Amino acid sequence: MKYPLIILIIVSAAVAQMPTDIGPYEVGCRMRTIERASDTDTTTRIMDIYIWYPADPIIGYWVDALQAYLNERPMQGDTARPVVFFSHGGCGHPLASVYYTSFLPSWGFIVVSTMHPGSMYGEPDCLDSASLHDTWLNRPGDIEFTRRWFIDLASDSANLFGVLDTSRMGMSGHSFGARTTYAMLNRTDYFLCGLAFSGNYIDRFGAPMNCMEDIRGIHQPIMIQNGTYDWGLPPDYAQEIYDTLESPKYWAEIHRVGHFQWGDTCDPALDPQCGVDSMLDYATAHYEILKYSVPFLMHYVMGDNRFDSYLVDTSDTFVTYTYDDGMSIDETELPRYINIEVYPNPFNSAVMISIGAIHELPLQIEIFDINGRIVYEMSVGARGASPPPNGNVVWSPNKSLGSGVYLVRLNGINSAKKIIYLK
């Protein structure tokens, strides 16, 4: 009997990664307990610190609650790691947002989540106004002590040496932790940026605190996020905070999301909206949160622009997204005798740069990436010459260039046009 020959052809295509995809690294987690003196009384603050990091698993003991391999060795050799700190909310916990703290290390970050005693889930007075005020006074010290402790740990531990990049640190937090983020950005100079999840400048439980002065003092890039069902940071307060901040600033307001969807779960005792059918489900909410958080931290902490296009994309139907990166397309007015237009913008394969000139300057197009590196340049005429035919130049980016924001400039002209490349 003859059998037909069946040939299977497997076609593989390179699929562009998204910031919501799990990154290239396995993730490990360690917990350490540290102690420090309170800033408000004579007590000792005992804090459990959780550290997630890119790992090189050997034993492979996976813990679902951590979404990581427990106590595995850190990945060594390829690069020193940037660090993102996370501050939990009132009545929260360092493990309150594991979907976030365990996800970032898959993209190469180390994440340190700090405990704030007096503001912990399960403590009977964690929402008492006096307790909230006391923890507010102690929270900046908690973060600073943890930061110094972690730097010392990385310096002294053989299997952590060289893993930590102290020049690249970001701050983040949820609710009360977002207020802590505002404070740390204003009061220190070692955080490159801040990511604030659903954090108002006043306290809804009556604690005597107002961090608007901290918000006014922030000079680093910052992203705020809130929800349309968010009692922690209602839309009108989010608008006020955004308007107060200096650029670069970003604001993602996620539709049908409440205050606790920046955490892993919701407690009906704290939020009666938990489980309401009209709310966005947690998986979708976390997808939207990471979609904006990862590109922001990749750009401003890691210095990686592969997801920059997400920072300027306002087309998401689940999110009302507003930003001011300090480089608006029409921000700088070109001289009257120069007219330069780009189309389409954003673009995904080629962009037409249209130049009109009635002057005698030599024309040379220069295109820069967001870090100021020239990625393309072209001479289009010597002194007194005309621009190219029809005044148009077409730029098709080299395949090695990633999606992101680029600047088009004519030499001799101190202004530029911004173009957005969506690969």
Protein backbone atom coordinates (compact mmCIF):
# COMPACT_ATOMS: atom_id res chain seq x y z
CA MET A 1 0.00 0.00 0.00
CA LYS A 2 1.22 3.45 -0.82
CA TYR A 3 0.77 6.17 1.70
CA PRO A 4 0.38 9.76 0.63
CA LEU A 5 3.21 12.02 1.56
CA ILE A 6 1.96 14.81 3.75
CA ILE A 7 4.20 17.80 4.01
CA LEU A 8 3.55 20.25 6.79
CA ILE A 9 4.84 23.72 6.16
CA ILE A 10 5.17 25.77 9.27
CA VAL A 11 5.36 29.45 8.62
CA SER A 12 6.72 31.52 11.41
CA ALA A 13 6.32 35.25 11.48
CA ALA A 14 7.92 37.71 13.77
CA VAL A 15 5.24 39.06 16.03
CA ALA A 16 5.84 42.49 17.44
CA GLN A 17 5.72 42.43 21.22
CA MET A 18 3.34 44.62 23.14
CA PRO A 19 3.95 46.13 26.58
CA THR A 20 1.20 43.87 27.92
CA ASP A 21 3.08 40.75 26.81
CA ILE A 22 5.27 38.98 29.35
CA GLY A 23 8.85 40.06 28.76
CA PRO A 24 11.89 37.86 28.05
CA TYR A 25 12.97 37.19 31.66
CA GLU A 26 11.86 34.70 34.28
CA VAL A 27 10.94 36.35 37.58
CA GLY A 28 12.18 35.62 41.09
CA CYS A 29 11.07 37.05 44.43
CA ARG A 30 12.62 37.37 47.89
CA MET A 31 11.23 38.70 51.14
CA ARG A 32 13.30 40.36 53.83
CA THR A 33 12.29 41.93 57.15
CA ILE A 34 13.91 45.19 58.17
CA GLU A 35 13.46 47.52 61.15
CA ARG A 36 13.75 51.25 61.59
CA ALA A 37 12.89 53.83 64.23
CA SER A 38 9.60 55.64 63.78
CA ASP A 39 9.72 59.29 62.71
CA THR A 40 6.82 60.21 65.01
CA ASP A 41 7.37 58.32 68.29
CA THR A 42 9.73 55.90 70.06
CA THR A 43 8.38 52.71 68.47
CA THR A 44 10.18 50.47 66.00
CA ARG A 45 8.67 49.97 62.57
CA ILE A 46 9.02 46.34 61.43
CA MET A 47 8.65 46.08 57.67
CA ASP A 48 8.48 43.12 55.30
CA ILE A 49 10.11 44.05 51.99
CA TYR A 50 9.36 42.08 48.81
CA ILE A 51 11.83 42.17 45.93
CA TRP A 52 10.99 40.91 42.44
CA TYR A 53 13.80 40.64 39.89
CA PRO A 54 14.83 39.00 36.59
CA ALA A 55 15.87 35.50 37.61
CA ASP A 56 17.85 32.53 36.40
CA PRO A 57 15.88 29.69 38.06
CA ILE A 58 17.70 26.53 39.08
CA ILE A 59 15.37 24.77 41.52
CA GLY A 60 12.23 26.28 40.05
CA TYR A 61 10.02 26.64 43.16
CA TRP A 62 7.11 28.66 41.78
CA VAL A 63 4.78 30.51 44.17
CA ASP A 64 1.44 31.58 42.69
CA ALA A 65 0.86 34.25 45.33
CA LEU A 66 4.09 35.94 44.25
CA GLN A 67 3.85 35.09 40.54
CA ALA A 68 7.54 34.30 40.80
CA TYR A 69 10.15 31.69 41.67
CA LEU A 70 10.93 31.96 45.38
CA ASN A 71 14.49 32.91 46.38
CA GLU A 72 15.98 32.04 42.99
CA ARG A 73 19.25 33.60 41.93
CA PRO A 74 19.12 36.89 40.00
CA MET A 75 19.96 36.95 36.32
CA GLN A 76 23.62 37.87 35.99
CA GLY A 77 25.88 39.26 33.34
CA ASP A 78 23.80 41.04 30.72
CA THR A 79 23.20 44.41 32.39
CA ALA A 80 22.71 46.25 35.66
CA ARG A 81 19.02 46.59 36.46
CA PRO A 82 16.93 49.73 36.95
CA VAL A 83 14.77 49.74 40.07
CA VAL A 84 11.11 50.69 40.59
CA PHE A 85 9.79 51.16 44.13
CA PHE A 86 6.14 50.51 44.97
CA SER A 87 4.16 51.96 47.89
CA HIS A 88 0.87 50.26 48.81
CA GLY A 89 -2.34 52.06 49.77
CA GLY A 90 -4.03 52.62 53.11
CA CYS A 91 -5.22 49.28 54.53
CA GLY A 92 -3.01 47.73 51.88
CA HIS A 93 -0.08 45.32 51.70
CA PRO A 94 3.18 44.96 49.75
CA LEU A 95 1.48 42.07 47.91
CA ALA A 96 -1.62 44.07 47.01
CA SER A 97 -0.67 44.57 43.32
CA VAL A 98 1.31 41.47 42.38
CA TYR A 99 0.00 41.63 38.79
CA TYR A 100 2.11 44.82 38.50
CA THR A 101 5.08 44.19 40.82
CA SER A 102 5.77 40.74 39.35
CA PHE A 103 5.23 41.80 35.73
CA LEU A 104 7.82 44.56 35.44
CA PRO A 105 10.81 42.25 36.17
CA SER A 106 9.93 40.20 33.09
CA TRP A 107 11.02 43.31 31.18
CA GLY A 108 14.24 43.73 33.16
CA PHE A 109 13.28 45.86 36.17
CA ILE A 110 13.89 45.15 39.84
CA VAL A 111 10.76 46.00 41.85
CA VAL A 112 10.88 46.71 45.58
CA SER A 113 7.55 46.79 47.44
CA THR A 114 7.69 48.35 50.90
CA MET A 115 5.48 47.68 53.91
CA HIS A 116 4.02 50.69 55.76
CA PRO A 117 3.12 49.68 59.37
CA GLY A 118 -0.02 51.36 60.67
CA SER A 119 -1.45 51.29 57.17
CA MET A 120 -1.78 47.54 56.68
CA TYR A 121 -4.74 45.42 55.69
CA GLY A 122 -6.07 43.65 58.79
CA GLU A 123 -4.99 46.32 61.25
CA PRO A 124 -8.18 47.44 63.03
CA ASP A 125 -7.38 51.15 62.87
CA CYS A 126 -5.82 51.27 59.40
CA LEU A 127 -8.44 53.78 58.20
CA ASP A 128 -8.59 55.80 61.42
CA SER A 129 -7.70 59.43 60.66
CA ALA A 130 -5.05 59.60 63.40
CA SER A 131 -3.42 56.38 62.16
CA LEU A 132 -3.51 57.61 58.56
CA HIS A 133 -1.88 60.88 59.58
CA ASP A 134 0.85 59.05 61.49
CA THR A 135 1.61 56.74 58.58
CA TRP A 136 1.63 59.73 56.23
CA LEU A 137 4.42 61.27 58.29
CA ASN A 138 6.33 57.96 58.29
CA ARG A 139 5.88 56.84 54.69
CA PRO A 140 8.65 58.94 53.08
CA GLY A 141 11.05 57.63 55.72
CA ASP A 142 9.92 54.06 55.00
CA ILE A 143 10.80 54.47 51.32
CA GLU A 144 14.11 56.22 51.99
CA PHE A 145 15.20 53.63 54.58
CA THR A 146 14.24 50.80 52.21
CA ARG A 147 16.14 52.42 49.36
CA ARG A 148 19.36 52.74 51.39
CA TRP A 149 18.95 49.24 52.84
CA PHE A 150 18.49 47.74 49.38
CA ILE A 151 21.54 49.52 47.97
CA ASP A 152 23.61 48.19 50.89
CA LEU A 153 22.18 44.69 50.33
CA ALA A 154 23.09 44.76 46.66
CA SER A 155 26.62 45.93 47.48
CA ASP A 156 27.27 43.30 50.15
CA SER A 157 25.60 40.20 48.69
CA ALA A 158 27.73 38.28 46.23
CA ASN A 159 24.79 37.08 44.16
CA LEU A 160 23.31 40.58 43.90
CA PHE A 161 26.53 42.47 43.18
CA GLY A 162 26.38 44.34 39.90
CA VAL A 163 22.67 43.72 39.47
CA LEU A 164 21.45 47.10 40.72
CA ASP A 165 21.75 50.36 38.77
CA THR A 166 21.38 53.11 41.37
CA SER A 167 21.33 55.81 38.68
CA ARG A 168 18.02 54.53 37.28
CA MET A 169 15.25 54.50 39.86
CA GLY A 170 11.53 55.16 39.55
CA MET A 171 8.78 55.59 42.15
CA SER A 172 5.22 54.25 42.02
CA GLY A 173 2.27 53.61 44.28
CA HIS A 174 -1.48 53.09 44.59
CA SER A 175 -3.92 55.33 46.49
CA PHE A 176 -2.08 56.41 49.66
CA GLY A 177 0.99 55.05 47.89
CA ALA A 178 0.35 57.45 45.02
CA ARG A 179 0.43 60.30 47.55
CA THR A 180 3.67 58.83 48.81
CA THR A 181 4.90 58.92 45.21
CA TYR A 182 4.04 62.64 44.94
CA ALA A 183 5.97 63.28 48.17
CA MET A 184 9.06 61.31 47.14
CA LEU A 185 9.26 63.01 43.75
CA ASN A 186 9.04 66.46 45.31
CA ARG A 187 11.28 65.85 48.32
CA THR A 188 14.10 63.85 46.70
CA ASP A 189 16.12 64.01 43.50
CA TYR A 190 17.03 60.37 42.92
CA PHE A 191 13.80 59.16 41.29
CA LEU A 192 13.75 59.72 37.54
CA CYS A 193 9.96 59.60 37.25
CA GLY A 194 6.76 58.69 39.08
CA LEU A 195 3.73 56.51 38.36
CA ALA A 196 0.72 57.39 40.55
CA PHE A 197 -2.29 55.04 40.59
CA SER A 198 -5.56 56.58 41.82
CA GLY A 199 -4.03 58.95 44.35
CA ASN A 200 -5.76 62.18 45.40
CA TYR A 201 -4.10 65.07 47.22
CA ILE A 202 -6.65 65.00 50.06
CA ASP A 203 -7.85 62.14 52.26
CA ARG A 204 -11.48 61.03 52.02
CA PHE A 205 -11.38 59.57 55.56
CA GLY A 206 -10.67 62.93 57.17
CA ALA A 207 -6.98 62.66 57.96
CA PRO A 208 -5.40 66.15 58.14
CA MET A 209 -3.17 65.90 55.09
CA ASN A 210 -2.95 67.69 51.78
CA CYS A 211 -0.14 66.94 49.35
CA MET A 212 -0.94 69.55 46.69
CA GLU A 213 2.29 71.35 47.62
CA ASP A 214 4.17 68.15 46.82
CA ILE A 215 2.38 67.95 43.46
CA ARG A 216 3.29 71.56 42.65
CA GLY A 217 6.94 70.81 43.38
CA ILE A 218 7.27 67.78 41.08
CA HIS A 219 9.75 68.37 38.26
CA GLN A 220 10.21 64.78 37.07
CA PRO A 221 8.07 63.13 34.37
CA ILE A 222 4.92 61.65 35.92
CA MET A 223 1.94 59.58 34.85
CA ILE A 224 -1.31 59.58 36.82
CA GLN A 225 -4.02 56.97 36.35
CA ASN A 226 -7.59 56.90 37.60
CA GLY A 227 -10.97 55.40 36.72
CA THR A 228 -14.33 56.85 35.82
CA TYR A 229 -15.85 54.96 38.81
CA ASP A 230 -12.93 55.87 41.06
CA TRP A 231 -13.82 57.33 44.47
CA GLY A 232 -10.11 57.46 45.34
CA LEU A 233 -9.32 59.88 42.52
CA PRO A 234 -12.52 61.17 40.90
CA PRO A 235 -12.13 62.62 37.40
CA ASP A 236 -12.46 66.26 38.48
CA TYR A 237 -9.65 65.87 41.04
CA ALA A 238 -7.52 64.04 38.46
CA GLN A 239 -8.02 66.95 36.07
CA GLU A 240 -6.89 69.40 38.76
CA ILE A 241 -3.77 67.37 39.50
CA TYR A 242 -2.92 67.02 35.80
CA ASP A 243 -3.37 70.76 35.22
CA THR A 244 -1.09 71.51 38.19
CA LEU A 245 1.75 69.23 37.09
CA GLU A 246 4.57 70.37 34.84
CA SER A 247 5.33 68.51 31.63
CA PRO A 248 6.28 65.85 30.76
CA LYS A 249 2.99 64.57 32.19
CA TYR A 250 0.59 61.80 31.25
CA TRP A 251 -2.95 60.98 32.36
CA ALA A 252 -4.78 57.71 31.66
CA GLU A 253 -8.42 57.64 32.83
CA ILE A 254 -9.72 54.10 32.40
CA HIS A 255 -13.43 53.73 31.74
CA ARG A 256 -15.62 51.70 34.13
CA VAL A 257 -12.76 51.16 36.57
CA GLY A 258 -12.95 51.72 40.32
CA HIS A 259 -10.37 52.49 42.95
CA PHE A 260 -9.37 48.91 43.78
CA GLN A 261 -8.72 47.67 40.26
CA TRP A 262 -5.13 48.82 40.61
CA GLY A 263 -4.88 46.00 43.14
CA ASP A 264 -5.26 42.26 42.66
CA THR A 265 -8.61 42.00 44.44
CA CYS A 266 -11.36 44.16 45.88
CA ASP A 267 -12.79 44.04 49.42
CA PRO A 268 -16.51 44.97 49.53
CA ALA A 269 -15.97 46.24 53.08
CA LEU A 270 -13.76 48.97 51.62
CA ASP A 271 -15.55 49.59 48.33
CA PRO A 272 -19.25 48.75 47.76
CA GLN A 273 -18.63 48.83 44.01
CA CYS A 274 -16.64 45.58 44.19
CA GLY A 275 -18.16 43.05 41.81
CA VAL A 276 -20.68 45.44 40.24
CA ASP A 277 -21.59 44.13 36.78
CA SER A 278 -20.98 47.47 35.07
CA MET A 279 -17.34 47.51 36.21
CA LEU A 280 -14.59 46.48 33.83
CA ASP A 281 -13.30 43.02 34.73
CA TYR A 282 -9.95 42.86 36.52
CA ALA A 283 -8.06 41.18 33.68
CA THR A 284 -9.05 43.90 31.22
CA ALA A 285 -8.38 46.66 33.75
CA HIS A 286 -4.90 45.29 34.45
CA TYR A 287 -4.25 45.03 30.72
CA GLU A 288 -5.03 48.73 30.30
CA ILE A 289 -2.99 49.70 33.37
CA LEU A 290 0.09 47.84 32.11
CA LYS A 291 -0.41 49.09 28.55
CA TYR A 292 0.47 52.60 29.71
CA SER A 293 2.64 51.87 32.76
CA VAL A 294 5.23 49.68 31.04
CA PRO A 295 6.02 52.10 28.17
CA PHE A 296 6.27 54.98 30.65
CA LEU A 297 8.74 53.17 32.91
CA MET A 298 10.63 51.68 29.97
CA HIS A 299 11.17 55.15 28.53
CA TYR A 300 11.90 57.22 31.62
CA VAL A 301 13.64 54.68 33.89
CA MET A 302 15.15 52.09 31.56
CA GLY A 303 15.89 54.46 28.67
CA ASP A 304 14.27 52.04 26.20
CA ASN A 305 12.02 53.60 23.56
CA ARG A 306 10.60 50.47 21.93
CA PHE A 307 7.09 51.20 23.28
CA ASP A 308 7.15 55.00 22.95
CA SER A 309 4.27 54.94 20.46
CA TYR A 310 1.92 53.92 23.29
CA LEU A 311 2.78 57.12 25.16
CA VAL A 312 1.29 59.24 22.36
CA ASP A 313 -1.58 56.99 21.24
CA THR A 314 -4.98 58.46 22.17
CA SER A 315 -7.09 55.95 20.21
CA ASP A 316 -7.84 53.41 23.00
CA THR A 317 -11.63 53.11 23.41
CA PHE A 318 -11.27 51.94 27.04
CA VAL A 319 -9.17 54.93 28.08
CA THR A 320 -9.37 58.70 27.89
CA TYR A 321 -5.71 59.52 27.47
CA THR A 322 -4.13 62.96 27.75
CA TYR A 323 -0.47 63.87 27.64
CA ASP A 324 1.93 66.76 27.38
CA ASP A 325 5.44 65.53 26.69
CA GLY A 326 6.78 69.03 26.22
CA MET A 327 7.23 68.48 22.48
CA SER A 328 3.87 69.17 20.88
CA ILE A 329 3.91 68.74 17.09
CA ASP A 330 2.99 72.39 16.56
CA GLU A 331 4.79 73.63 19.62
CA THR A 332 7.47 75.63 17.80
CA GLU A 333 6.59 77.94 14.95
CA LEU A 334 8.87 77.81 11.94
CA PRO A 335 10.06 81.08 10.37
CA ARG A 336 7.68 82.57 7.79
CA TYR A 337 9.92 81.66 4.89
CA ILE A 338 10.02 77.98 5.87
CA ASN A 339 7.06 75.64 5.55
CA ILE A 340 7.55 72.01 6.54
CA GLU A 341 4.75 69.46 6.81
CA VAL A 342 4.75 65.72 7.50
CA TYR A 343 2.12 63.23 6.31
CA PRO A 344 0.79 60.85 7.47
CA ASN A 345 1.49 61.42 11.14
CA PRO A 346 1.52 58.95 12.89
CA PHE A 347 2.87 56.64 10.15
CA ASN A 348 3.80 52.96 9.95
CA SER A 349 6.05 52.50 6.91
CA ALA A 350 6.94 55.80 5.26
CA VAL A 351 6.33 59.48 5.87
CA MET A 352 6.37 62.33 3.37
CA ILE A 353 8.27 65.43 4.46
CA SER A 354 7.05 68.39 2.43
CA ILE A 355 9.31 71.44 2.32
CA GLY A 356 8.59 74.88 0.96
CA ALA A 357 11.49 77.33 0.96
CA ILE A 358 12.07 80.75 -0.55
CA HIS A 359 15.43 81.54 0.98
CA GLU A 360 19.09 80.89 0.30
CA LEU A 361 19.99 78.67 3.24
CA PRO A 362 21.36 75.21 2.38
CA LEU A 363 18.72 72.59 3.08
CA GLN A 364 19.56 69.41 4.95
CA ILE A 365 16.98 67.25 6.68
CA GLU A 366 17.99 65.75 10.01
CA ILE A 367 15.85 63.24 11.91
CA PHE A 368 16.56 62.59 15.59
CA ASP A 369 15.26 60.02 18.03
CA ILE A 370 13.88 61.11 21.40
CA ASN A 371 17.38 60.92 22.95
CA GLY A 372 18.84 63.38 20.43
CA ARG A 373 20.66 60.79 18.29
CA ILE A 374 20.62 61.45 14.53
CA VAL A 375 19.00 58.47 12.77
CA TYR A 376 18.71 59.96 9.27
CA GLU A 377 20.05 62.94 7.35
CA MET A 378 19.74 64.01 3.74
CA SER A 379 21.00 67.00 1.75
CA VAL A 380 18.30 68.43 -0.49
CA GLY A 381 20.10 71.37 -2.04
CA ALA A 382 23.15 73.57 -1.79
CA ARG A 383 23.05 77.30 -1.10
CA GLY A 384 20.58 78.97 -3.44
CA ALA A 385 19.30 75.65 -4.81
CA SER A 386 15.69 74.53 -4.82
CA PRO A 387 14.24 71.79 -2.67
CA PRO A 388 13.75 68.33 -4.20
CA PRO A 389 11.05 67.86 -6.90
CA ASN A 390 7.67 69.04 -5.62
CA GLY A 391 9.39 69.94 -2.33
CA ASN A 392 8.84 66.41 -1.01
CA VAL A 393 11.16 63.89 0.65
CA VAL A 394 10.00 60.41 1.65
CA TRP A 395 11.57 58.78 4.71
CA SER A 396 11.25 55.03 5.23
CA PRO A 397 12.89 54.17 8.58
CA ASN A 398 15.61 51.57 8.70
CA LYS A 399 14.36 48.20 9.96
CA SER A 400 16.60 48.51 13.01
CA LEU A 401 14.64 51.52 14.27
CA GLY A 402 11.83 50.90 16.71
CA SER A 403 8.46 52.56 17.12
CA GLY A 404 8.55 55.88 18.87
CA VAL A 405 8.75 59.63 18.63
CA TYR A 406 11.19 61.24 16.18
CA LEU A 407 11.98 64.87 15.40
CA VAL A 408 12.41 66.32 11.89
CA ARG A 409 14.60 69.41 11.61
CA LEU A 410 16.12 71.50 8.86
CA ASN A 411 19.71 72.47 9.58
CA GLY A 412 20.13 76.09 10.52
CA ILE A 413 16.55 76.32 11.78
CA ASN A 414 16.06 76.14 15.55
CA SER A 415 12.71 74.36 15.46
CA ALA A 416 11.41 70.92 14.63
CA LYS A 417 8.38 68.84 13.75
CA LYS A 418 7.51 65.73 15.74
CA ILE A 419 6.59 62.53 13.92
CA ILE A 420 5.31 59.31 15.43
CA TYR A 421 6.45 55.98 14.00
CA LEU A 422 4.13 53.02 14.67
CA LYS A 423 6.06 49.99 13.49
